[in-house]
N, C-alpha and C. Protein backbone atom coordinates (compact mmCIF):
# COMPACT_ATOMS: atom_id res chain seq x y z
N MET A 1 0.80 -1.20 0.00
CA MET A 1 0.00 0.00 0.00
C MET A 1 0.85 1.27 0.00
N GLY A 2 2.06 1.17 0.47
CA GLY A 2 2.89 2.36 0.58
C GLY A 2 3.09 3.09 -0.72
N TRP A 3 3.06 2.36 -1.83
CA TRP A 3 3.27 2.99 -3.13
C TRP A 3 2.03 3.73 -3.62
N SER A 4 0.91 3.52 -2.99
CA SER A 4 -0.34 4.14 -3.42
C SER A 4 -0.38 5.60 -2.99
N SER A 5 -0.97 6.42 -3.83
CA SER A 5 -1.14 7.83 -3.47
C SER A 5 -2.57 8.11 -3.02
N HIS A 6 -3.35 7.06 -2.83
CA HIS A 6 -4.73 7.22 -2.38
C HIS A 6 -4.73 7.89 -1.00
N PRO A 7 -5.58 8.89 -0.79
CA PRO A 7 -5.56 9.64 0.47
C PRO A 7 -5.80 8.78 1.72
N ASP A 8 -6.52 7.67 1.60
CA ASP A 8 -6.81 6.83 2.76
C ASP A 8 -5.59 6.04 3.24
N VAL A 9 -4.57 5.93 2.39
CA VAL A 9 -3.40 5.13 2.74
C VAL A 9 -2.66 5.71 3.93
N VAL A 10 -2.56 7.02 4.01
CA VAL A 10 -1.86 7.66 5.15
C VAL A 10 -2.50 7.23 6.46
N GLU A 11 -3.81 7.27 6.51
CA GLU A 11 -4.53 6.88 7.73
C GLU A 11 -4.31 5.40 8.05
N LEU A 12 -4.29 4.57 7.02
CA LEU A 12 -4.06 3.14 7.23
C LEU A 12 -2.66 2.87 7.76
N ILE A 13 -1.66 3.58 7.22
CA ILE A 13 -0.28 3.41 7.69
C ILE A 13 -0.16 3.88 9.14
N GLU A 14 -0.77 5.02 9.45
CA GLU A 14 -0.73 5.52 10.83
C GLU A 14 -1.38 4.54 11.79
N SER A 15 -2.51 3.97 11.40
CA SER A 15 -3.21 3.00 12.23
C SER A 15 -2.36 1.75 12.44
N ALA A 16 -1.75 1.26 11.37
CA ALA A 16 -0.89 0.07 11.46
C ALA A 16 0.30 0.33 12.36
N PHE A 17 0.85 1.54 12.31
CA PHE A 17 2.03 1.87 13.12
C PHE A 17 1.71 1.81 14.61
N GLU A 18 0.45 2.02 14.96
CA GLU A 18 0.04 1.98 16.36
C GLU A 18 -0.31 0.56 16.81
N GLY A 19 -0.25 -0.41 15.90
CA GLY A 19 -0.64 -1.78 16.22
C GLY A 19 0.49 -2.60 16.82
N ASN A 20 0.36 -3.92 16.72
CA ASN A 20 1.36 -4.82 17.27
C ASN A 20 2.64 -4.80 16.42
N ILE A 21 3.61 -5.58 16.80
CA ILE A 21 4.92 -5.55 16.13
C ILE A 21 4.79 -5.86 14.63
N ASP A 22 3.99 -6.84 14.27
CA ASP A 22 3.83 -7.18 12.85
C ASP A 22 3.24 -6.02 12.05
N TRP A 23 2.23 -5.36 12.63
CA TRP A 23 1.62 -4.22 11.95
C TRP A 23 2.61 -3.05 11.86
N ARG A 24 3.36 -2.82 12.91
CA ARG A 24 4.37 -1.74 12.89
C ARG A 24 5.41 -2.01 11.81
N HIS A 25 5.83 -3.28 11.70
CA HIS A 25 6.79 -3.68 10.67
C HIS A 25 6.23 -3.36 9.29
N SER A 26 4.99 -3.75 9.04
CA SER A 26 4.34 -3.47 7.75
C SER A 26 4.22 -1.97 7.51
N ALA A 27 3.89 -1.23 8.56
CA ALA A 27 3.75 0.22 8.43
C ALA A 27 5.09 0.86 8.05
N LEU A 28 6.17 0.41 8.68
CA LEU A 28 7.49 0.97 8.36
C LEU A 28 7.88 0.68 6.91
N ILE A 29 7.57 -0.52 6.43
CA ILE A 29 7.85 -0.84 5.03
C ILE A 29 7.03 0.07 4.12
N ALA A 30 5.75 0.24 4.43
CA ALA A 30 4.89 1.11 3.63
C ALA A 30 5.39 2.56 3.64
N MET A 31 5.87 3.01 4.79
CA MET A 31 6.41 4.37 4.88
C MET A 31 7.59 4.53 3.92
N GLY A 32 8.46 3.54 3.89
CA GLY A 32 9.62 3.61 3.01
C GLY A 32 9.26 3.67 1.55
N ARG A 33 8.14 3.09 1.19
CA ARG A 33 7.71 3.06 -0.21
C ARG A 33 6.86 4.25 -0.60
N SER A 34 6.55 5.09 0.37
CA SER A 34 5.58 6.17 0.14
C SER A 34 6.14 7.42 -0.52
N ALA A 35 7.45 7.63 -0.47
CA ALA A 35 8.06 8.88 -0.95
C ALA A 35 7.45 10.09 -0.25
N ASP A 36 7.15 9.92 1.04
CA ASP A 36 6.47 10.96 1.81
C ASP A 36 7.29 11.29 3.06
N ASP A 37 7.74 12.53 3.14
CA ASP A 37 8.58 12.97 4.26
C ASP A 37 7.84 13.03 5.60
N ARG A 38 6.53 12.92 5.59
CA ARG A 38 5.76 13.02 6.84
C ARG A 38 6.17 11.93 7.85
N TRP A 39 6.79 10.86 7.36
CA TRP A 39 7.12 9.72 8.22
C TRP A 39 8.49 9.85 8.88
N GLU A 40 9.19 10.92 8.63
CA GLU A 40 10.57 11.04 9.10
C GLU A 40 10.73 10.79 10.60
N ASP A 41 9.91 11.43 11.41
CA ASP A 41 10.05 11.28 12.86
C ASP A 41 9.83 9.84 13.29
N ARG A 42 8.80 9.20 12.76
CA ARG A 42 8.51 7.81 13.14
C ARG A 42 9.62 6.86 12.70
N VAL A 43 10.12 7.06 11.49
CA VAL A 43 11.20 6.20 10.99
C VAL A 43 12.46 6.40 11.83
N LEU A 44 12.81 7.63 12.11
CA LEU A 44 14.02 7.90 12.90
C LEU A 44 13.91 7.31 14.31
N ARG A 45 12.76 7.45 14.95
CA ARG A 45 12.58 6.87 16.28
C ARG A 45 12.68 5.34 16.23
N SER A 46 12.21 4.77 15.13
CA SER A 46 12.21 3.31 15.00
C SER A 46 13.61 2.74 14.76
N LEU A 47 14.57 3.60 14.42
CA LEU A 47 15.96 3.14 14.28
C LEU A 47 16.51 2.65 15.62
N LEU A 48 15.86 3.05 16.70
CA LEU A 48 16.32 2.68 18.04
C LEU A 48 15.56 1.50 18.63
N GLU A 49 14.70 0.89 17.85
CA GLU A 49 13.89 -0.24 18.32
C GLU A 49 14.77 -1.39 18.81
N ASP A 50 14.30 -2.09 19.82
CA ASP A 50 14.99 -3.29 20.29
C ASP A 50 14.74 -4.47 19.35
N ASN A 51 13.56 -4.50 18.75
CA ASN A 51 13.18 -5.60 17.86
C ASN A 51 13.96 -5.47 16.55
N ASP A 52 14.71 -6.52 16.18
CA ASP A 52 15.54 -6.49 14.98
C ASP A 52 14.74 -6.25 13.70
N ASN A 53 13.56 -6.88 13.59
CA ASN A 53 12.75 -6.70 12.38
C ASN A 53 12.29 -5.26 12.21
N LEU A 54 11.87 -4.65 13.31
CA LEU A 54 11.44 -3.25 13.25
C LEU A 54 12.62 -2.33 12.93
N ARG A 55 13.75 -2.58 13.57
CA ARG A 55 14.93 -1.75 13.34
C ARG A 55 15.38 -1.86 11.89
N LYS A 56 15.39 -3.08 11.34
CA LYS A 56 15.79 -3.27 9.95
C LYS A 56 14.83 -2.56 9.00
N ALA A 57 13.53 -2.67 9.25
CA ALA A 57 12.54 -1.98 8.40
C ALA A 57 12.73 -0.46 8.47
N ALA A 58 13.04 0.05 9.65
CA ALA A 58 13.28 1.49 9.80
C ALA A 58 14.53 1.91 9.05
N VAL A 59 15.58 1.11 9.13
CA VAL A 59 16.83 1.40 8.42
C VAL A 59 16.58 1.45 6.91
N GLN A 60 15.86 0.46 6.41
CA GLN A 60 15.58 0.41 4.97
C GLN A 60 14.70 1.57 4.54
N SER A 61 13.72 1.92 5.36
CA SER A 61 12.83 3.05 5.03
C SER A 61 13.59 4.37 5.03
N ALA A 62 14.48 4.53 5.98
CA ALA A 62 15.29 5.76 6.02
C ALA A 62 16.07 5.92 4.72
N GLY A 63 16.60 4.83 4.21
CA GLY A 63 17.33 4.88 2.95
C GLY A 63 16.43 5.14 1.76
N MET A 64 15.31 4.43 1.70
CA MET A 64 14.39 4.60 0.57
C MET A 64 13.85 6.03 0.51
N LEU A 65 13.66 6.62 1.68
CA LEU A 65 13.16 7.99 1.75
C LEU A 65 14.29 9.02 1.72
N ALA A 66 15.52 8.52 1.72
CA ALA A 66 16.72 9.37 1.64
C ALA A 66 16.72 10.46 2.71
N PHE A 67 16.40 10.07 3.94
CA PHE A 67 16.39 11.02 5.05
C PHE A 67 17.82 11.36 5.45
N LYS A 68 18.23 12.57 5.14
CA LYS A 68 19.58 13.01 5.50
C LYS A 68 19.77 12.99 7.03
N SER A 69 18.69 13.20 7.76
CA SER A 69 18.76 13.20 9.22
C SER A 69 19.07 11.81 9.78
N ALA A 70 18.95 10.77 8.96
CA ALA A 70 19.27 9.41 9.41
C ALA A 70 20.74 9.08 9.22
N ARG A 71 21.47 9.94 8.52
CA ARG A 71 22.88 9.64 8.20
C ARG A 71 23.70 9.34 9.45
N LEU A 72 23.69 10.22 10.43
CA LEU A 72 24.51 10.03 11.64
C LEU A 72 24.11 8.77 12.41
N PRO A 73 22.80 8.54 12.69
CA PRO A 73 22.46 7.29 13.38
C PRO A 73 22.87 6.04 12.60
N LEU A 74 22.78 6.09 11.28
CA LEU A 74 23.18 4.93 10.48
C LEU A 74 24.70 4.74 10.50
N LEU A 75 25.44 5.83 10.44
CA LEU A 75 26.90 5.73 10.54
C LEU A 75 27.30 5.15 11.90
N GLN A 76 26.60 5.56 12.96
CA GLN A 76 26.87 5.02 14.28
C GLN A 76 26.54 3.54 14.35
N MET A 77 25.51 3.13 13.61
CA MET A 77 25.14 1.72 13.56
C MET A 77 26.27 0.88 12.98
N LEU A 78 27.01 1.44 12.02
CA LEU A 78 28.11 0.70 11.41
C LEU A 78 29.17 0.32 12.44
N GLU A 79 29.25 1.08 13.50
CA GLU A 79 30.25 0.82 14.54
C GLU A 79 29.73 -0.08 15.66
N SER A 80 28.40 -0.16 15.80
CA SER A 80 27.88 -0.86 16.98
C SER A 80 26.92 -2.01 16.69
N GLU A 81 26.43 -2.13 15.47
CA GLU A 81 25.41 -3.14 15.17
C GLU A 81 26.00 -4.54 15.09
N ASP A 82 25.35 -5.47 15.78
CA ASP A 82 25.79 -6.87 15.79
C ASP A 82 25.08 -7.71 14.73
N ASN A 83 23.88 -7.32 14.37
CA ASN A 83 23.08 -8.09 13.41
C ASN A 83 23.57 -7.78 11.99
N GLY A 84 24.06 -8.81 11.29
CA GLY A 84 24.62 -8.63 9.95
C GLY A 84 23.63 -8.11 8.93
N GLU A 85 22.36 -8.55 9.03
CA GLU A 85 21.34 -8.09 8.10
C GLU A 85 21.07 -6.60 8.27
N ILE A 86 21.01 -6.17 9.52
CA ILE A 86 20.77 -4.75 9.80
C ILE A 86 21.99 -3.94 9.38
N MET A 87 23.16 -4.47 9.60
CA MET A 87 24.40 -3.81 9.18
C MET A 87 24.39 -3.60 7.67
N SER A 88 24.04 -4.65 6.92
CA SER A 88 23.97 -4.55 5.45
C SER A 88 22.92 -3.53 5.03
N ALA A 89 21.77 -3.56 5.71
CA ALA A 89 20.71 -2.60 5.39
C ALA A 89 21.18 -1.17 5.65
N ALA A 90 21.93 -0.98 6.73
CA ALA A 90 22.45 0.36 7.05
C ALA A 90 23.43 0.84 5.99
N ILE A 91 24.29 -0.05 5.54
CA ILE A 91 25.25 0.31 4.48
C ILE A 91 24.51 0.71 3.22
N TRP A 92 23.52 -0.10 2.82
CA TRP A 92 22.79 0.21 1.59
C TRP A 92 21.99 1.50 1.74
N SER A 93 21.38 1.70 2.90
CA SER A 93 20.62 2.93 3.12
C SER A 93 21.54 4.15 3.06
N LEU A 94 22.72 4.03 3.63
CA LEU A 94 23.67 5.14 3.53
C LEU A 94 24.05 5.41 2.08
N SER A 95 24.13 4.37 1.27
CA SER A 95 24.46 4.56 -0.14
C SER A 95 23.31 5.26 -0.87
N GLN A 96 22.09 5.14 -0.34
CA GLN A 96 20.94 5.81 -0.93
C GLN A 96 20.84 7.26 -0.45
N ILE A 97 21.33 7.53 0.74
CA ILE A 97 21.25 8.87 1.32
C ILE A 97 22.43 9.72 0.88
N GLY A 98 23.61 9.12 0.91
CA GLY A 98 24.82 9.84 0.51
C GLY A 98 25.25 10.87 1.53
N GLY A 99 26.12 11.74 1.09
CA GLY A 99 26.57 12.82 1.95
C GLY A 99 27.92 12.59 2.58
N GLU A 100 28.24 13.54 3.42
CA GLU A 100 29.54 13.60 4.07
C GLU A 100 29.89 12.33 4.84
N ASP A 101 31.09 11.85 4.66
CA ASP A 101 31.67 10.72 5.38
C ASP A 101 31.18 9.34 4.96
N VAL A 102 30.10 9.24 4.20
CA VAL A 102 29.55 7.93 3.84
C VAL A 102 30.56 7.13 3.03
N GLN A 103 31.13 7.74 2.01
CA GLN A 103 32.09 7.03 1.17
C GLN A 103 33.29 6.57 1.99
N THR A 104 33.78 7.43 2.87
CA THR A 104 34.92 7.09 3.71
C THR A 104 34.61 5.87 4.59
N TYR A 105 33.43 5.87 5.20
CA TYR A 105 33.05 4.75 6.07
C TYR A 105 32.97 3.45 5.29
N ILE A 106 32.33 3.51 4.13
CA ILE A 106 32.18 2.27 3.33
C ILE A 106 33.54 1.80 2.82
N GLU A 107 34.37 2.73 2.39
CA GLU A 107 35.72 2.34 1.94
C GLU A 107 36.54 1.72 3.08
N ASN A 108 36.39 2.26 4.29
CA ASN A 108 37.09 1.68 5.45
C ASN A 108 36.62 0.26 5.72
N LEU A 109 35.32 0.04 5.61
CA LEU A 109 34.79 -1.32 5.78
C LEU A 109 35.35 -2.25 4.71
N LEU A 110 35.44 -1.73 3.49
CA LEU A 110 35.97 -2.52 2.38
C LEU A 110 37.43 -2.89 2.63
N ASP A 111 38.21 -1.95 3.15
CA ASP A 111 39.63 -2.21 3.45
C ASP A 111 39.80 -3.24 4.57
N GLN A 112 38.83 -3.33 5.48
CA GLN A 112 38.95 -4.20 6.64
C GLN A 112 38.45 -5.62 6.40
N THR A 113 37.71 -5.84 5.31
CA THR A 113 37.12 -7.16 5.12
C THR A 113 37.94 -8.05 4.19
N GLU A 114 37.86 -9.33 4.47
CA GLU A 114 38.48 -10.32 3.59
C GLU A 114 37.41 -11.23 3.00
N ASP A 115 36.17 -11.02 3.41
CA ASP A 115 35.04 -11.81 2.94
C ASP A 115 34.66 -11.37 1.52
N GLU A 116 34.64 -12.34 0.58
CA GLU A 116 34.38 -12.02 -0.82
C GLU A 116 32.99 -11.47 -1.06
N GLU A 117 31.99 -12.08 -0.42
CA GLU A 117 30.61 -11.61 -0.60
C GLU A 117 30.44 -10.20 -0.05
N LEU A 118 31.00 -9.94 1.11
CA LEU A 118 30.92 -8.61 1.70
C LEU A 118 31.66 -7.60 0.84
N THR A 119 32.79 -7.98 0.30
CA THR A 119 33.55 -7.10 -0.59
C THR A 119 32.69 -6.70 -1.79
N GLU A 120 32.05 -7.69 -2.40
CA GLU A 120 31.20 -7.43 -3.56
C GLU A 120 30.04 -6.50 -3.19
N PHE A 121 29.44 -6.76 -2.04
CA PHE A 121 28.33 -5.92 -1.57
C PHE A 121 28.79 -4.47 -1.34
N LEU A 122 29.93 -4.29 -0.71
CA LEU A 122 30.44 -2.96 -0.42
C LEU A 122 30.80 -2.21 -1.71
N VAL A 123 31.33 -2.92 -2.70
CA VAL A 123 31.63 -2.30 -4.00
C VAL A 123 30.33 -1.83 -4.65
N GLU A 124 29.28 -2.67 -4.58
CA GLU A 124 27.97 -2.28 -5.13
C GLU A 124 27.41 -1.07 -4.39
N ALA A 125 27.60 -1.04 -3.07
CA ALA A 125 27.12 0.10 -2.28
C ALA A 125 27.86 1.38 -2.68
N LEU A 126 29.16 1.28 -2.93
CA LEU A 126 29.93 2.45 -3.38
C LEU A 126 29.46 2.92 -4.75
N GLU A 127 29.14 1.97 -5.63
CA GLU A 127 28.62 2.34 -6.96
C GLU A 127 27.26 3.02 -6.82
N ASN A 128 26.42 2.49 -5.94
CA ASN A 128 25.11 3.11 -5.72
C ASN A 128 25.27 4.50 -5.12
N LEU A 129 26.22 4.66 -4.21
CA LEU A 129 26.50 5.96 -3.61
C LEU A 129 26.92 6.96 -4.68
N ALA A 130 27.77 6.55 -5.60
CA ALA A 130 28.20 7.45 -6.68
C ALA A 130 27.01 7.86 -7.53
N PHE A 131 26.13 6.90 -7.81
CA PHE A 131 24.93 7.19 -8.59
C PHE A 131 24.04 8.17 -7.84
N THR A 132 23.83 7.92 -6.54
CA THR A 132 23.00 8.78 -5.70
C THR A 132 23.54 10.20 -5.68
N GLU A 133 24.83 10.33 -5.51
CA GLU A 133 25.41 11.67 -5.42
C GLU A 133 25.40 12.37 -6.78
N ASP A 134 25.48 11.62 -7.87
CA ASP A 134 25.34 12.22 -9.20
C ASP A 134 23.92 12.74 -9.40
N LEU A 135 22.93 12.01 -8.92
CA LEU A 135 21.54 12.45 -9.05
C LEU A 135 21.30 13.75 -8.30
N ASP A 136 21.92 13.90 -7.14
CA ASP A 136 21.75 15.12 -6.35
C ASP A 136 22.20 16.36 -7.12
N ARG A 137 23.17 16.21 -7.98
CA ARG A 137 23.67 17.35 -8.75
C ARG A 137 22.67 17.85 -9.78
N PHE A 138 21.85 16.95 -10.28
CA PHE A 138 20.93 17.32 -11.35
C PHE A 138 19.57 17.80 -10.87
N GLU A 139 19.23 17.54 -9.63
CA GLU A 139 17.95 17.93 -9.06
C GLU A 139 16.79 17.50 -9.95
N LEU A 140 16.88 16.30 -10.51
CA LEU A 140 15.84 15.79 -11.39
C LEU A 140 14.51 15.60 -10.68
N MET A 141 14.58 15.30 -9.41
CA MET A 141 13.36 14.98 -8.69
C MET A 141 12.75 16.21 -8.01
N SER A 142 13.37 17.36 -8.11
CA SER A 142 12.81 18.53 -7.46
C SER A 142 11.69 19.11 -8.31
N PHE A 143 10.69 19.61 -7.63
CA PHE A 143 9.53 20.18 -8.31
C PHE A 143 9.15 21.45 -7.59
N ASP A 144 9.01 22.51 -8.35
CA ASP A 144 8.61 23.78 -7.80
C ASP A 144 7.25 24.13 -8.39
N PRO A 145 6.20 24.25 -7.56
CA PRO A 145 4.87 24.56 -8.07
C PRO A 145 4.82 25.84 -8.90
N GLU A 146 5.73 26.77 -8.64
CA GLU A 146 5.76 28.00 -9.41
C GLU A 146 6.13 27.73 -10.87
N ASP A 147 6.96 26.67 -11.11
CA ASP A 147 7.29 26.29 -12.48
C ASP A 147 6.04 25.89 -13.25
N LEU A 148 5.13 25.21 -12.58
CA LEU A 148 3.89 24.78 -13.21
C LEU A 148 3.04 26.00 -13.56
N GLU A 149 3.01 26.97 -12.67
CA GLU A 149 2.26 28.20 -12.94
C GLU A 149 2.83 28.94 -14.15
N GLU A 150 4.17 28.98 -14.24
CA GLU A 150 4.81 29.63 -15.38
C GLU A 150 4.46 28.92 -16.68
N LEU A 151 4.41 27.59 -16.65
CA LEU A 151 4.02 26.83 -17.85
C LEU A 151 2.59 27.13 -18.25
N LYS A 152 1.69 27.24 -17.28
CA LYS A 152 0.29 27.57 -17.56
C LYS A 152 0.19 28.95 -18.20
N GLU A 153 0.96 29.91 -17.66
CA GLU A 153 0.95 31.26 -18.21
C GLU A 153 1.46 31.26 -19.64
N LEU A 154 2.52 30.48 -19.91
CA LEU A 154 3.04 30.38 -21.26
C LEU A 154 2.00 29.80 -22.22
N ASP A 155 1.31 28.76 -21.78
CA ASP A 155 0.27 28.15 -22.61
C ASP A 155 -0.86 29.16 -22.90
N GLU A 156 -1.23 29.92 -21.89
CA GLU A 156 -2.29 30.90 -22.07
C GLU A 156 -1.85 32.00 -23.04
N THR A 157 -0.61 32.42 -22.94
CA THR A 157 -0.05 33.45 -23.83
C THR A 157 -0.03 32.94 -25.26
N GLU A 158 0.37 31.68 -25.45
CA GLU A 158 0.42 31.10 -26.79
C GLU A 158 -0.96 30.96 -27.40
N GLU A 159 -1.96 30.67 -26.57
CA GLU A 159 -3.31 30.52 -27.07
C GLU A 159 -3.89 31.84 -27.55
N GLU A 160 -3.46 32.93 -26.94
CA GLU A 160 -3.97 34.25 -27.32
C GLU A 160 -3.36 34.63 -28.64
């Protein structure tokens, strides 16, 4: 449901987030798929969950939503997280968020590992990070409502 733009979805996600652990997990996944910044506070608070499934869903959602405010908690997770799945999710989410120190942290992890699978994963994360940071330069996803108004004015002028 998170991908839906139907107005009732927000209420459903909020309701699920107030439910039991399984519903909260589903809500966090839906939040990550929503492309909606309204979930930032809930996702960030969920990064501190004791439950591994909830924490992993929050980590993934923070990356999918590219919350810059999640960068520091995710970087700290790289130093303290014991769960390998959550660690991998944090690395990938950081590659989606980008920014200061992310490349350095991932490169340091790459230098410290001898595991082939982890090496391959870290190289992919660095490639994704480069892609993410290239996208930031182009501002392809930014939208200014005033641009739409200018286009309407141009169309009206052309019609006259």
